[in-house]
Amino acid sequence: MRQTSPNGHPVFPDMGRPRMAKANARIPDIDWMTRVGAAIAASIRTVGWSSKEAAANVGVDDAEFGKWLSGTRRPQMDRLFAVEALRQPLVIALAGLAHDVEIVTEIRIKKAVNA
């Protein structure tokens, strides 16, 4: 026999307390952030800047830039790529983080043909 409530609605078996769905939020890999920070540091060394000069050129304060270098805060890549002097060294340094990438430096000199 089916149970009904006093107001005539069917009563369903106790399903327990409803639970919230959990999001699968990915925790950032701290080691990876440290490696990206090291790549940024290598690129500013290539340019010949101190971290203070790099922070000024990127347009952030020294403390924020230091957090990018240490890997404690995710860097703003758009700001880094906006600085033309950092683009090429940064791309090379980031490519070096990939295990299946070979970085080759090639110098080509175009000689003018004597007429």
PDB file of N, CA and C in Angstrom:
ATOM      1  N   MET A   1       0.832  -1.172   0.000  1.00  0.00           N
ATOM      2  CA  MET A   1       0.000   0.000   0.000  1.00  0.00           C
ATOM      3  C   MET A   1       0.878   1.237   0.000  1.00  0.00           C
ATOM      4  N   ARG A   2       0.481   2.182  -0.781  1.00  0.00           N
ATOM      5  CA  ARG A   2       1.237   3.414  -0.938  1.00  0.00           C
ATOM      6  C   ARG A   2       0.865   4.393   0.148  1.00  0.00           C
ATOM      7  N   GLN A   3       1.907   5.027   0.757  1.00  0.00           N
ATOM      8  CA  GLN A   3       1.636   6.000   1.802  1.00  0.00           C
ATOM      9  C   GLN A   3       1.394   7.366   1.177  1.00  0.00           C
ATOM     10  N   THR A   4       0.530   8.124   1.804  1.00  0.00           N
ATOM     11  CA  THR A   4       0.276   9.496   1.359  1.00  0.00           C
ATOM     12  C   THR A   4       0.378  10.416   2.555  1.00  0.00           C
ATOM     13  N   SER A   5       0.715  11.651   2.279  1.00  0.00           N
ATOM     14  CA  SER A   5       0.793  12.645   3.348  1.00  0.00           C
ATOM     15  C   SER A   5      -0.615  13.135   3.645  1.00  0.00           C
ATOM     16  N   PRO A   6      -0.746  13.875   4.741  1.00  0.00           N
ATOM     17  CA  PRO A   6      -2.081  14.373   5.095  1.00  0.00           C
ATOM     18  C   PRO A   6      -2.706  15.238   4.005  1.00  0.00           C
ATOM     19  N   ASN A   7      -1.916  15.879   3.167  1.00  0.00           N
ATOM     20  CA  ASN A   7      -2.507  16.725   2.123  1.00  0.00           C
ATOM     21  C   ASN A   7      -2.708  15.965   0.813  1.00  0.00           C
ATOM     22  N   GLY A   8      -2.465  14.653   0.818  1.00  0.00           N
ATOM     23  CA  GLY A   8      -2.784  13.828  -0.330  1.00  0.00           C
ATOM     24  C   GLY A   8      -1.615  13.550  -1.272  1.00  0.00           C
ATOM     25  N   HIS A   9      -0.441  14.096  -1.001  1.00  0.00           N
ATOM     26  CA  HIS A   9       0.720  13.851  -1.864  1.00  0.00           C
ATOM     27  C   HIS A   9       1.374  12.527  -1.505  1.00  0.00           C
ATOM     28  N   PRO A  10       1.895  11.804  -2.500  1.00  0.00           N
ATOM     29  CA  PRO A  10       2.569  10.539  -2.184  1.00  0.00           C
ATOM     30  C   PRO A  10       3.842  10.804  -1.373  1.00  0.00           C
ATOM     31  N   VAL A  11       4.166   9.908  -0.482  1.00  0.00           N
ATOM     32  CA  VAL A  11       5.370  10.018   0.345  1.00  0.00           C
ATOM     33  C   VAL A  11       6.404   9.064  -0.222  1.00  0.00           C
ATOM     34  N   PHE A  12       7.560   9.621  -0.551  1.00  0.00           N
ATOM     35  CA  PHE A  12       8.636   8.807  -1.098  1.00  0.00           C
ATOM     36  C   PHE A  12       9.536   8.338   0.045  1.00  0.00           C
ATOM     37  N   PRO A  13      10.213   7.232  -0.144  1.00  0.00           N
ATOM     38  CA  PRO A  13      11.112   6.763   0.912  1.00  0.00           C
ATOM     39  C   PRO A  13      12.195   7.807   1.188  1.00  0.00           C
ATOM     40  N   ASP A  14      12.701   7.810   2.400  1.00  0.00           N
ATOM     41  CA  ASP A  14      13.720   8.769   2.790  1.00  0.00           C
ATOM     42  C   ASP A  14      14.974   8.535   1.957  1.00  0.00           C
ATOM     43  N   MET A  15      15.341   9.527   1.203  1.00  0.00           N
ATOM     44  CA  MET A  15      16.509   9.422   0.339  1.00  0.00           C
ATOM     45  C   MET A  15      17.762   9.951   1.033  1.00  0.00           C
ATOM     46  N   GLY A  16      17.628  10.388   2.241  1.00  0.00           N
ATOM     47  CA  GLY A  16      18.777  10.968   2.930  1.00  0.00           C
ATOM     48  C   GLY A  16      18.901  12.443   2.578  1.00  0.00           C
ATOM     49  N   ARG A  17      19.885  13.046   3.141  1.00  0.00           N
ATOM     50  CA  ARG A  17      20.101  14.468   2.924  1.00  0.00           C
ATOM     51  C   ARG A  17      20.742  14.698   1.548  1.00  0.00           C
ATOM     52  N   PRO A  18      20.195  15.639   0.776  1.00  0.00           N
ATOM     53  CA  PRO A  18      20.803  15.901  -0.525  1.00  0.00           C
ATOM     54  C   PRO A  18      22.220  16.466  -0.352  1.00  0.00           C
ATOM     55  N   ARG A  19      23.109  16.083  -1.264  1.00  0.00           N
ATOM     56  CA  ARG A  19      24.494  16.549  -1.180  1.00  0.00           C
ATOM     57  C   ARG A  19      24.804  17.457  -2.362  1.00  0.00           C
ATOM     58  N   MET A  20      25.676  18.427  -2.096  1.00  0.00           N
ATOM     59  CA  MET A  20      26.128  19.331  -3.153  1.00  0.00           C
ATOM     60  C   MET A  20      27.053  18.562  -4.087  1.00  0.00           C
ATOM     61  N   ALA A  21      26.952  18.861  -5.352  1.00  0.00           N
ATOM     62  CA  ALA A  21      27.893  18.291  -6.311  1.00  0.00           C
ATOM     63  C   ALA A  21      29.238  18.978  -6.116  1.00  0.00           C
ATOM     64  N   LYS A  22      30.312  18.223  -6.199  1.00  0.00           N
ATOM     65  CA  LYS A  22      31.637  18.786  -6.022  1.00  0.00           C
ATOM     66  C   LYS A  22      32.268  19.049  -7.374  1.00  0.00           C
ATOM     67  N   ALA A  23      32.843  20.229  -7.497  1.00  0.00           N
ATOM     68  CA  ALA A  23      33.568  20.558  -8.720  1.00  0.00           C
ATOM     69  C   ALA A  23      34.949  19.939  -8.634  1.00  0.00           C
ATOM     70  N   ASN A  24      35.444  19.493  -9.743  1.00  0.00           N
ATOM     71  CA  ASN A  24      36.776  18.924  -9.793  1.00  0.00           C
ATOM     72  C   ASN A  24      37.757  20.053 -10.100  1.00  0.00           C
ATOM     73  N   ALA A  25      37.972  20.916  -9.124  1.00  0.00           N
ATOM     74  CA  ALA A  25      38.873  22.053  -9.315  1.00  0.00           C
ATOM     75  C   ALA A  25      40.306  21.558  -9.234  1.00  0.00           C
ATOM     76  N   ARG A  26      41.049  21.817 -10.286  1.00  0.00           N
ATOM     77  CA  ARG A  26      42.424  21.342 -10.353  1.00  0.00           C
ATOM     78  C   ARG A  26      43.321  22.252  -9.530  1.00  0.00           C
ATOM     79  N   ILE A  27      44.065  21.678  -8.627  1.00  0.00           N
ATOM     80  CA  ILE A  27      45.007  22.434  -7.818  1.00  0.00           C
ATOM     81  C   ILE A  27      46.256  22.645  -8.671  1.00  0.00           C
ATOM     82  N   PRO A  28      46.732  23.903  -8.764  1.00  0.00           N
ATOM     83  CA  PRO A  28      47.901  24.129  -9.609  1.00  0.00           C
ATOM     84  C   PRO A  28      49.121  23.365  -9.109  1.00  0.00           C
ATOM     85  N   ASP A  29      49.895  22.884 -10.027  1.00  0.00           N
ATOM     86  CA  ASP A  29      51.112  22.151  -9.715  1.00  0.00           C
ATOM     87  C   ASP A  29      52.185  23.169  -9.335  1.00  0.00           C
ATOM     88  N   ILE A  30      52.546  23.205  -8.067  1.00  0.00           N
ATOM     89  CA  ILE A  30      53.495  24.195  -7.558  1.00  0.00           C
ATOM     90  C   ILE A  30      54.848  24.052  -8.242  1.00  0.00           C
ATOM     91  N   ASP A  31      55.292  22.828  -8.483  1.00  0.00           N
ATOM     92  CA  ASP A  31      56.572  22.626  -9.156  1.00  0.00           C
ATOM     93  C   ASP A  31      56.549  23.241 -10.546  1.00  0.00           C
ATOM     94  N   TRP A  32      55.441  23.094 -11.244  1.00  0.00           N
ATOM     95  CA  TRP A  32      55.331  23.650 -12.589  1.00  0.00           C
ATOM     96  C   TRP A  32      55.405  25.172 -12.538  1.00  0.00           C
ATOM     97  N   MET A  33      54.759  25.790 -11.566  1.00  0.00           N
ATOM     98  CA  MET A  33      54.788  27.246 -11.452  1.00  0.00           C
ATOM     99  C   MET A  33      56.207  27.728 -11.136  1.00  0.00           C
ATOM    100  N   THR A  34      56.947  26.967 -10.355  1.00  0.00           N
ATOM    101  CA  THR A  34      58.336  27.306 -10.055  1.00  0.00           C
ATOM    102  C   THR A  34      59.186  27.229 -11.313  1.00  0.00           C
ATOM    103  N   ARG A  35      58.932  26.230 -12.136  1.00  0.00           N
ATOM    104  CA  ARG A  35      59.688  26.081 -13.390  1.00  0.00           C
ATOM    105  C   ARG A  35      59.380  27.217 -14.354  1.00  0.00           C
ATOM    106  N   VAL A  36      58.121  27.655 -14.409  1.00  0.00           N
ATOM    107  CA  VAL A  36      57.772  28.801 -15.264  1.00  0.00           C
ATOM    108  C   VAL A  36      58.454  30.060 -14.739  1.00  0.00           C
ATOM    109  N   GLY A  37      58.482  30.235 -13.425  1.00  0.00           N
ATOM    110  CA  GLY A  37      59.181  31.374 -12.836  1.00  0.00           C
ATOM    111  C   GLY A  37      60.663  31.362 -13.169  1.00  0.00           C
ATOM    112  N   ALA A  38      61.277  30.183 -13.152  1.00  0.00           N
ATOM    113  CA  ALA A  38      62.692  30.060 -13.512  1.00  0.00           C
ATOM    114  C   ALA A  38      62.915  30.398 -14.985  1.00  0.00           C
ATOM    115  N   ALA A  39      61.956  30.052 -15.840  1.00  0.00           N
ATOM    116  CA  ALA A  39      62.057  30.391 -17.263  1.00  0.00           C
ATOM    117  C   ALA A  39      61.983  31.909 -17.460  1.00  0.00           C
ATOM    118  N   ILE A  40      61.129  32.558 -16.696  1.00  0.00           N
ATOM    119  CA  ILE A  40      61.031  34.022 -16.769  1.00  0.00           C
ATOM    120  C   ILE A  40      62.352  34.638 -16.299  1.00  0.00           C
ATOM    121  N   ALA A  41      62.899  34.113 -15.201  1.00  0.00           N
ATOM    122  CA  ALA A  41      64.172  34.619 -14.679  1.00  0.00           C
ATOM    123  C   ALA A  41      65.287  34.441 -15.703  1.00  0.00           C
ATOM    124  N   ALA A  42      65.314  33.295 -16.380  1.00  0.00           N
ATOM    125  CA  ALA A  42      66.333  33.055 -17.406  1.00  0.00           C
ATOM    126  C   ALA A  42      66.190  34.040 -18.561  1.00  0.00           C
ATOM    127  N   SER A  43      64.956  34.352 -18.924  1.00  0.00           N
ATOM    128  CA  SER A  43      64.752  35.280 -20.046  1.00  0.00           C
ATOM    129  C   SER A  43      65.189  36.697 -19.686  1.00  0.00           C
ATOM    130  N   ILE A  44      64.983  37.115 -18.434  1.00  0.00           N
ATOM    131  CA  ILE A  44      65.424  38.472 -18.081  1.00  0.00           C
ATOM    132  C   ILE A  44      66.951  38.528 -17.936  1.00  0.00           C
ATOM    133  N   ARG A  45      67.578  37.403 -17.560  1.00  0.00           N
ATOM    134  CA  ARG A  45      69.050  37.358 -17.548  1.00  0.00           C
ATOM    135  C   ARG A  45      69.591  37.458 -18.963  1.00  0.00           C
ATOM    136  N   THR A  46      68.905  36.802 -19.910  1.00  0.00           N
ATOM    137  CA  THR A  46      69.327  36.852 -21.312  1.00  0.00           C
ATOM    138  C   THR A  46      69.301  38.280 -21.829  1.00  0.00           C
ATOM    139  N   VAL A  47      68.279  39.033 -21.446  1.00  0.00           N
ATOM    140  CA  VAL A  47      68.158  40.424 -21.873  1.00  0.00           C
ATOM    141  C   VAL A  47      69.186  41.300 -21.151  1.00  0.00           C
ATOM    142  N   GLY A  48      69.614  40.853 -19.972  1.00  0.00           N
ATOM    143  CA  GLY A  48      70.599  41.607 -19.217  1.00  0.00           C
ATOM    144  C   GLY A  48      70.001  42.561 -18.199  1.00  0.00           C
ATOM    145  N   TRP A  49      68.754  42.318 -17.829  1.00  0.00           N
ATOM    146  CA  TRP A  49      68.080  43.163 -16.853  1.00  0.00           C
ATOM    147  C   TRP A  49      68.147  42.532 -15.470  1.00  0.00           C
ATOM    148  N   SER A  50      68.051  43.385 -14.465  1.00  0.00           N
ATOM    149  CA  SER A  50      67.825  42.901 -13.101  1.00  0.00           C
ATOM    150  C   SER A  50      66.324  42.636 -12.984  1.00  0.00           C
ATOM    151  N   SER A  51      65.926  41.956 -11.928  1.00  0.00           N
ATOM    152  CA  SER A  51      64.492  41.709 -11.759  1.00  0.00           C
ATOM    153  C   SER A  51      63.751  43.017 -11.514  1.00  0.00           C
ATOM    154  N   LYS A  52      64.426  43.980 -10.902  1.00  0.00           N
ATOM    155  CA  LYS A  52      63.801  45.281 -10.666  1.00  0.00           C
ATOM    156  C   LYS A  52      63.565  46.013 -11.997  1.00  0.00           C
ATOM    157  N   GLU A  53      64.551  45.958 -12.899  1.00  0.00           N
ATOM    158  CA  GLU A  53      64.390  46.568 -14.231  1.00  0.00           C
ATOM    159  C   GLU A  53      63.294  45.860 -15.020  1.00  0.00           C
ATOM    160  N   ALA A  54      63.273  44.538 -14.929  1.00  0.00           N
ATOM    161  CA  ALA A  54      62.254  43.765 -15.652  1.00  0.00           C
ATOM    162  C   ALA A  54      60.858  44.120 -15.139  1.00  0.00           C
ATOM    163  N   ALA A  55      60.715  44.218 -13.817  1.00  0.00           N
ATOM    164  CA  ALA A  55      59.415  44.574 -13.241  1.00  0.00           C
ATOM    165  C   ALA A  55      58.958  45.933 -13.750  1.00  0.00           C
ATOM    166  N   ALA A  56      59.876  46.886 -13.807  1.00  0.00           N
ATOM    167  CA  ALA A  56      59.530  48.226 -14.301  1.00  0.00           C
ATOM    168  C   ALA A  56      59.127  48.177 -15.772  1.00  0.00           C
ATOM    169  N   ASN A  57      59.845  47.407 -16.569  1.00  0.00           N
ATOM    170  CA  ASN A  57      59.519  47.305 -18.002  1.00  0.00           C
ATOM    171  C   ASN A  57      58.203  46.572 -18.242  1.00  0.00           C
ATOM    172  N   VAL A  58      57.898  45.614 -17.388  1.00  0.00           N
ATOM    173  CA  VAL A  58      56.649  44.862 -17.516  1.00  0.00           C
ATOM    174  C   VAL A  58      55.473  45.666 -16.975  1.00  0.00           C
ATOM    175  N   GLY A  59      55.755  46.567 -16.032  1.00  0.00           N
ATOM    176  CA  GLY A  59      54.698  47.418 -15.488  1.00  0.00           C
ATOM    177  C   GLY A  59      54.045  46.876 -14.235  1.00  0.00           C
ATOM    178  N   VAL A  60      54.805  46.096 -13.447  1.00  0.00           N
ATOM    179  CA  VAL A  60      54.306  45.612 -12.166  1.00  0.00           C
ATOM    180  C   VAL A  60      55.321  45.978 -11.085  1.00  0.00           C
ATOM    181  N   ASP A  61      54.897  45.948  -9.826  1.00  0.00           N
ATOM    182  CA  ASP A  61      55.848  46.287  -8.762  1.00  0.00           C
ATOM    183  C   ASP A  61      56.793  45.120  -8.503  1.00  0.00           C
ATOM    184  N   ASP A  62      57.892  45.440  -7.823  1.00  0.00           N
ATOM    185  CA  ASP A  62      58.937  44.442  -7.578  1.00  0.00           C
ATOM    186  C   ASP A  62      58.426  43.231  -6.812  1.00  0.00           C
ATOM    187  N   ALA A  63      57.577  43.468  -5.828  1.00  0.00           N
ATOM    188  CA  ALA A  63      57.066  42.361  -5.003  1.00  0.00           C
ATOM    189  C   ALA A  63      56.240  41.395  -5.845  1.00  0.00           C
ATOM    190  N   GLU A  64      55.373  41.924  -6.691  1.00  0.00           N
ATOM    191  CA  GLU A  64      54.548  41.076  -7.561  1.00  0.00           C
ATOM    192  C   GLU A  64      55.429  40.283  -8.527  1.00  0.00           C
ATOM    193  N   PHE A  65      56.404  40.963  -9.118  1.00  0.00           N
ATOM    194  CA  PHE A  65      57.290  40.304 -10.079  1.00  0.00           C
ATOM    195  C   PHE A  65      58.093  39.201  -9.385  1.00  0.00           C
ATOM    196  N   GLY A  66      58.524  39.463  -8.151  1.00  0.00           N
ATOM    197  CA  GLY A  66      59.245  38.444  -7.391  1.00  0.00           C
ATOM    198  C   GLY A  66      58.409  37.205  -7.147  1.00  0.00           C
ATOM    199  N   LYS A  67      57.107  37.384  -6.946  1.00  0.00           N
ATOM    200  CA  LYS A  67      56.205  36.243  -6.762  1.00  0.00           C
ATOM    201  C   LYS A  67      56.078  35.442  -8.049  1.00  0.00           C
ATOM    202  N   TRP A  68      56.117  36.130  -9.191  1.00  0.00           N
ATOM    203  CA  TRP A  68      56.095  35.421 -10.467  1.00  0.00           C
ATOM    204  C   TRP A  68      57.348  34.563 -10.599  1.00  0.00           C
ATOM    205  N   LEU A  69      58.496  35.136 -10.246  1.00  0.00           N
ATOM    206  CA  LEU A  69      59.766  34.423 -10.390  1.00  0.00           C
ATOM    207  C   LEU A  69      59.866  33.239  -9.437  1.00  0.00           C
ATOM    208  N   SER A  70      59.327  33.383  -8.233  1.00  0.00           N
ATOM    209  CA  SER A  70      59.413  32.303  -7.251  1.00  0.00           C
ATOM    210  C   SER A  70      58.367  31.212  -7.478  1.00  0.00           C
ATOM    211  N   GLY A  71      57.360  31.505  -8.291  1.00  0.00           N
ATOM    212  CA  GLY A  71      56.314  30.516  -8.558  1.00  0.00           C
ATOM    213  C   GLY A  71      55.186  30.553  -7.552  1.00  0.00           C
ATOM    214  N   THR A  72      55.162  31.565  -6.684  1.00  0.00           N
ATOM    215  CA  THR A  72      54.070  31.632  -5.714  1.00  0.00           C
ATOM    216  C   THR A  72      52.831  32.310  -6.280  1.00  0.00           C
ATOM    217  N   ARG A  73      52.978  32.989  -7.404  1.00  0.00           N
ATOM    218  CA  ARG A  73      51.823  33.599  -8.064  1.00  0.00           C
ATOM    219  C   ARG A  73      51.955  33.379  -9.564  1.00  0.00           C
ATOM    220  N   ARG A  74      50.826  33.121 -10.200  1.00  0.00           N
ATOM    221  CA  ARG A  74      50.810  32.874 -11.639  1.00  0.00           C
ATOM    222  C   ARG A  74      51.141  34.172 -12.381  1.00  0.00           C
ATOM    223  N   PRO A  75      52.144  34.127 -13.284  1.00  0.00           N
ATOM    224  CA  PRO A  75      52.529  35.344 -13.998  1.00  0.00           C
ATOM    225  C   PRO A  75      51.484  35.762 -15.023  1.00  0.00           C
ATOM    226  N   GLN A  76      51.449  37.040 -15.288  1.00  0.00           N
ATOM    227  CA  GLN A  76      50.559  37.574 -16.328  1.00  0.00           C
ATOM    228  C   GLN A  76      51.334  37.561 -17.638  1.00  0.00           C
ATOM    229  N   MET A  77      51.138  36.506 -18.395  1.00  0.00           N
ATOM    230  CA  MET A  77      51.917  36.298 -19.614  1.00  0.00           C
ATOM    231  C   MET A  77      51.676  37.395 -20.640  1.00  0.00           C
ATOM    232  N   ASP A  78      50.469  37.956 -20.670  1.00  0.00           N
ATOM    233  CA  ASP A  78      50.207  39.028 -21.630  1.00  0.00           C
ATOM    234  C   ASP A  78      51.089  40.234 -21.351  1.00  0.00           C
ATOM    235  N   ARG A  79      51.339  40.523 -20.084  1.00  0.00           N
ATOM    236  CA  ARG A  79      52.227  41.641 -19.736  1.00  0.00           C
ATOM    237  C   ARG A  79      53.661  41.337 -20.156  1.00  0.00           C
ATOM    238  N   LEU A  80      54.085  40.100 -19.936  1.00  0.00           N
ATOM    239  CA  LEU A  80      55.446  39.719 -20.309  1.00  0.00           C
ATOM    240  C   LEU A  80      55.639  39.774 -21.819  1.00  0.00           C
ATOM    241  N   PHE A  81      54.674  39.262 -22.564  1.00  0.00           N
ATOM    242  CA  PHE A  81      54.790  39.250 -24.022  1.00  0.00           C
ATOM    243  C   PHE A  81      54.623  40.637 -24.634  1.00  0.00           C
ATOM    244  N   ALA A  82      54.050  41.561 -23.880  1.00  0.00           N
ATOM    245  CA  ALA A  82      53.902  42.930 -24.387  1.00  0.00           C
ATOM    246  C   ALA A  82      55.244  43.645 -24.463  1.00  0.00           C
ATOM    247  N   VAL A  83      56.232  43.156 -23.724  1.00  0.00           N
ATOM    248  CA  VAL A  83      57.571  43.753 -23.744  1.00  0.00           C
ATOM    249  C   VAL A  83      58.370  43.068 -24.847  1.00  0.00           C
ATOM    250  N   GLU A  84      58.619  43.793 -25.918  1.00  0.00           N
ATOM    251  CA  GLU A  84      59.227  43.201 -27.116  1.00  0.00           C
ATOM    252  C   GLU A  84      60.578  42.548 -26.834  1.00  0.00           C
ATOM    253  N   ALA A  85      61.382  43.157 -25.976  1.00  0.00           N
ATOM    254  CA  ALA A  85      62.716  42.610 -25.687  1.00  0.00           C
ATOM    255  C   ALA A  85      62.646  41.247 -25.000  1.00  0.00           C
ATOM    256  N   LEU A  86      61.544  40.955 -24.320  1.00  0.00           N
ATOM    257  CA  LEU A  86      61.410  39.687 -23.598  1.00  0.00           C
ATOM    258  C   LEU A  86      60.786  38.568 -24.427  1.00  0.00           C
ATOM    259  N   ARG A  87      60.139  38.904 -25.518  1.00  0.00           N
ATOM    260  CA  ARG A  87      59.369  37.884 -26.257  1.00  0.00           C
ATOM    261  C   ARG A  87      60.207  36.686 -26.671  1.00  0.00           C
ATOM    262  N   GLN A  88      61.240  36.920 -27.448  1.00  0.00           N
ATOM    263  CA  GLN A  88      62.025  35.805 -27.960  1.00  0.00           C
ATOM    264  C   GLN A  88      62.713  35.019 -26.841  1.00  0.00           C
ATOM    265  N   PRO A  89      63.410  35.686 -25.897  1.00  0.00           N
ATOM    266  CA  PRO A  89      64.029  34.895 -24.826  1.00  0.00           C
ATOM    267  C   PRO A  89      63.014  34.113 -23.991  1.00  0.00           C
ATOM    268  N   LEU A  90      61.835  34.677 -23.796  1.00  0.00           N
ATOM    269  CA  LEU A  90      60.817  33.991 -23.006  1.00  0.00           C
ATOM    270  C   LEU A  90      60.269  32.771 -23.741  1.00  0.00           C
ATOM    271  N   VAL A  91      60.035  32.904 -25.031  1.00  0.00           N
ATOM    272  CA  VAL A  91      59.551  31.759 -25.816  1.00  0.00           C
ATOM    273  C   VAL A  91      60.576  30.627 -25.776  1.00  0.00           C
ATOM    274  N   ILE A  92      61.850  30.979 -25.917  1.00  0.00           N
ATOM    275  CA  ILE A  92      62.905  29.954 -25.892  1.00  0.00           C
ATOM    276  C   ILE A  92      62.978  29.300 -24.509  1.00  0.00           C
ATOM    277  N   ALA A  93      62.918  30.108 -23.449  1.00  0.00           N
ATOM    278  CA  ALA A  93      62.988  29.562 -22.092  1.00  0.00           C
ATOM    279  C   ALA A  93      61.784  28.676 -21.788  1.00  0.00           C
ATOM    280  N   LEU A  94      60.593  29.073 -22.230  1.00  0.00           N
ATOM    281  CA  LEU A  94      59.402  28.256 -22.001  1.00  0.00           C
ATOM    282  C   LEU A  94      59.443  26.976 -22.824  1.00  0.00           C
ATOM    283  N   ALA A  95      59.959  27.060 -24.050  1.00  0.00           N
ATOM    284  CA  ALA A  95      60.076  25.860 -24.880  1.00  0.00           C
ATOM    285  C   ALA A  95      61.015  24.850 -24.237  1.00  0.00           C
ATOM    286  N   GLY A  96      62.009  25.341 -23.513  1.00  0.00           N
ATOM    287  CA  GLY A  96      62.941  24.453 -22.832  1.00  0.00           C
ATOM    288  C   GLY A  96      62.290  23.632 -21.728  1.00  0.00           C
ATOM    289  N   LEU A  97      61.108  24.018 -21.280  1.00  0.00           N
ATOM    290  CA  LEU A  97      60.399  23.260 -20.250  1.00  0.00           C
ATOM    291  C   LEU A  97      59.770  21.983 -20.802  1.00  0.00           C
ATOM    292  N   ALA A  98      59.542  21.951 -22.099  1.00  0.00           N
ATOM    293  CA  ALA A  98      58.939  20.768 -22.719  1.00  0.00           C
ATOM    294  C   ALA A  98      60.015  19.703 -22.919  1.00  0.00           C
ATOM    295  N   HIS A  99      59.672  18.462 -22.628  1.00  0.00           N
ATOM    296  CA  HIS A  99      60.651  17.383 -22.725  1.00  0.00           C
ATOM    297  C   HIS A  99      60.930  16.962 -24.161  1.00  0.00           C
ATOM    298  N   ASP A 100      59.983  17.171 -25.045  1.00  0.00           N
ATOM    299  CA  ASP A 100      60.139  16.687 -26.418  1.00  0.00           C
ATOM    300  C   ASP A 100      60.479  17.808 -27.392  1.00  0.00           C
ATOM    301  N   VAL A 101      61.058  18.905 -26.889  1.00  0.00           N
ATOM    302  CA  VAL A 101      61.418  20.034 -27.745  1.00  0.00           C
ATOM    303  C   VAL A 101      62.926  20.175 -27.742  1.00  0.00           C
ATOM    304  N   GLU A 102      63.476  20.314 -28.923  1.00  0.00           N
ATOM    305  CA  GLU A 102      64.903  20.557 -29.057  1.00  0.00           C
ATOM    306  C   GLU A 102      65.081  22.019 -29.462  1.00  0.00           C
ATOM    307  N   ILE A 103      65.887  22.736 -28.702  1.00  0.00           N
ATOM    308  CA  ILE A 103      66.130  24.142 -29.003  1.00  0.00           C
ATOM    309  C   ILE A 103      67.444  24.230 -29.747  1.00  0.00           C
ATOM    310  N   VAL A 104      67.374  24.797 -30.944  1.00  0.00           N
ATOM    311  CA  VAL A 104      68.549  24.938 -31.795  1.00  0.00           C
ATOM    312  C   VAL A 104      68.735  26.414 -32.086  1.00  0.00           C
ATOM    313  N   THR A 105      69.933  26.909 -31.824  1.00  0.00           N
ATOM    314  CA  THR A 105      70.248  28.293 -32.150  1.00  0.00           C
ATOM    315  C   THR A 105      71.012  28.292 -33.458  1.00  0.00           C
ATOM    316  N   GLU A 106      70.505  29.021 -34.408  1.00  0.00           N
ATOM    317  CA  GLU A 106      71.105  29.064 -35.740  1.00  0.00           C
ATOM    318  C   GLU A 106      71.354  30.510 -36.107  1.00  0.00           C
ATOM    319  N   ILE A 107      72.557  30.767 -36.602  1.00  0.00           N
ATOM    320  CA  ILE A 107      72.898  32.120 -37.039  1.00  0.00           C
ATOM    321  C   ILE A 107      73.131  32.056 -38.543  1.00  0.00           C
ATOM    322  N   ARG A 108      72.433  32.921 -39.267  1.00  0.00           N
ATOM    323  CA  ARG A 108      72.596  33.003 -40.722  1.00  0.00           C
ATOM    324  C   ARG A 108      73.084  34.393 -41.070  1.00  0.00           C
ATOM    325  N   ILE A 109      74.094  34.457 -41.877  1.00  0.00           N
ATOM    326  CA  ILE A 109      74.621  35.734 -42.325  1.00  0.00           C
ATOM    327  C   ILE A 109      74.428  35.819 -43.819  1.00  0.00           C
ATOM    328  N   LYS A 110      73.710  36.835 -44.218  1.00  0.00           N
ATOM    329  CA  LYS A 110      73.485  37.031 -45.648  1.00  0.00           C
ATOM    330  C   LYS A 110      74.610  37.907 -46.180  1.00  0.00           C
ATOM    331  N   LYS A 111      75.297  37.384 -47.145  1.00  0.00           N
ATOM    332  CA  LYS A 111      76.380  38.155 -47.752  1.00  0.00           C
ATOM    333  C   LYS A 111      75.877  38.793 -49.029  1.00  0.00           C
ATOM    334  N   ALA A 112      76.265  40.006 -49.188  1.00  0.00           N
ATOM    335  CA  ALA A 112      75.883  40.713 -50.401  1.00  0.00           C
ATOM    336  C   ALA A 112      76.751  40.199 -51.539  1.00  0.00           C
ATOM    337  N   VAL A 113      76.133  39.994 -52.666  1.00  0.00           N
ATOM    338  CA  VAL A 113      76.858  39.518 -53.856  1.00  0.00           C
ATOM    339  C   VAL A 113      77.530  40.732 -54.474  1.00  0.00           C
ATOM    340  N   ASN A 114      78.850  40.595 -54.719  1.00  0.00           N
ATOM    341  CA  ASN A 114      79.587  41.704 -55.344  1.00  0.00           C
ATOM    342  C   ASN A 114      79.167  41.818 -56.802  1.00  0.00           C
ATOM    343  N   ALA A 115      78.800  43.004 -57.164  1.00  0.00           N
ATOM    344  CA  ALA A 115      78.349  43.205 -58.548  1.00  0.00           C
ATOM    345  C   ALA A 115      79.469  43.636 -59.434  1.00  0.00           C
TER     346      ALA A 115
END
